[in-house]
Amino acid sequence: MAHAGDESSDIVAFHSQFFNVIAELFPGLTDLHYGLAPEDATAGGWLGLIGRLRAGPGRLLERVVSLADMARWPATSRGLDLGCGLGGTSLYLAHRFGFDMTGVNINPSQLRLAETRMQGRPGAARVRLLEGDVCDLPLPDQNADFAVMIEVAFHVRDKARLLGEVARVLRPGGTFVLVDQEGEAPRGVLGLFWFAGEGEYRGLARVAGLATVC
């Protein structure tokens, strides 16, 4: 999970606690986003929710890896997983490609679970986890070769600040892989989700000094 903005609210706390409970109840989960779930995992109710959380993230990550052509990136690359949740993306990239990964999450409960679940798993030695706000990253300038942010940015209200932080921590020539939802126009929902309008990320990225490719 990522920081939802400068204001706190009951619903933000409830949302965070809800996913904390899900993570505790289902120890096999490694991600807390829906991704690209297959049709047979989209039933209603609790079974549908857990089915999407189990099946969708891996399929989405495979799509991201392919589109970004990560197999061609140097194995010495240092990456950031912004809003890392339970660390599933960090662990996957560290294990498959040998990348040194840093996961950043504002939710300490999820970070504790991530640390426990990664122990002894392939790639875990190449992952470190940090508590922090994606809009105020606890990292020095030009710290990473790439950053990924998968289904997290719609929790961030100040998207200009987010992209500015990403630009700050990336090395020259670095890559930011952003997976998020857009609408025809920007809209907020329940003080918890802030969906970008079509083309908004491209414009903000240019202002931050990031070139866009898709």
Foldseek 3Di string as FASTA:
>chain_A
DAALDDDDDPVQVVVVVVVLVVCVVDVVFQDDDQAQQDPVLCDDDPSNNVSSRVGHPVVRVVVLCVVVVVLPPQLAFEEEEEQCQLVPSVQVCCQPRVYQYEYEHQDVSRVVSSVVSCPPPGRSVSYDYDYDHLLDDPAQFQAGQEYEYAAPCQSYDCVLSNLLSRNRNHHVVHYYHYHYDEDCDWDDDPSGTTHHHPPPNCVSNVVSVHHDDD
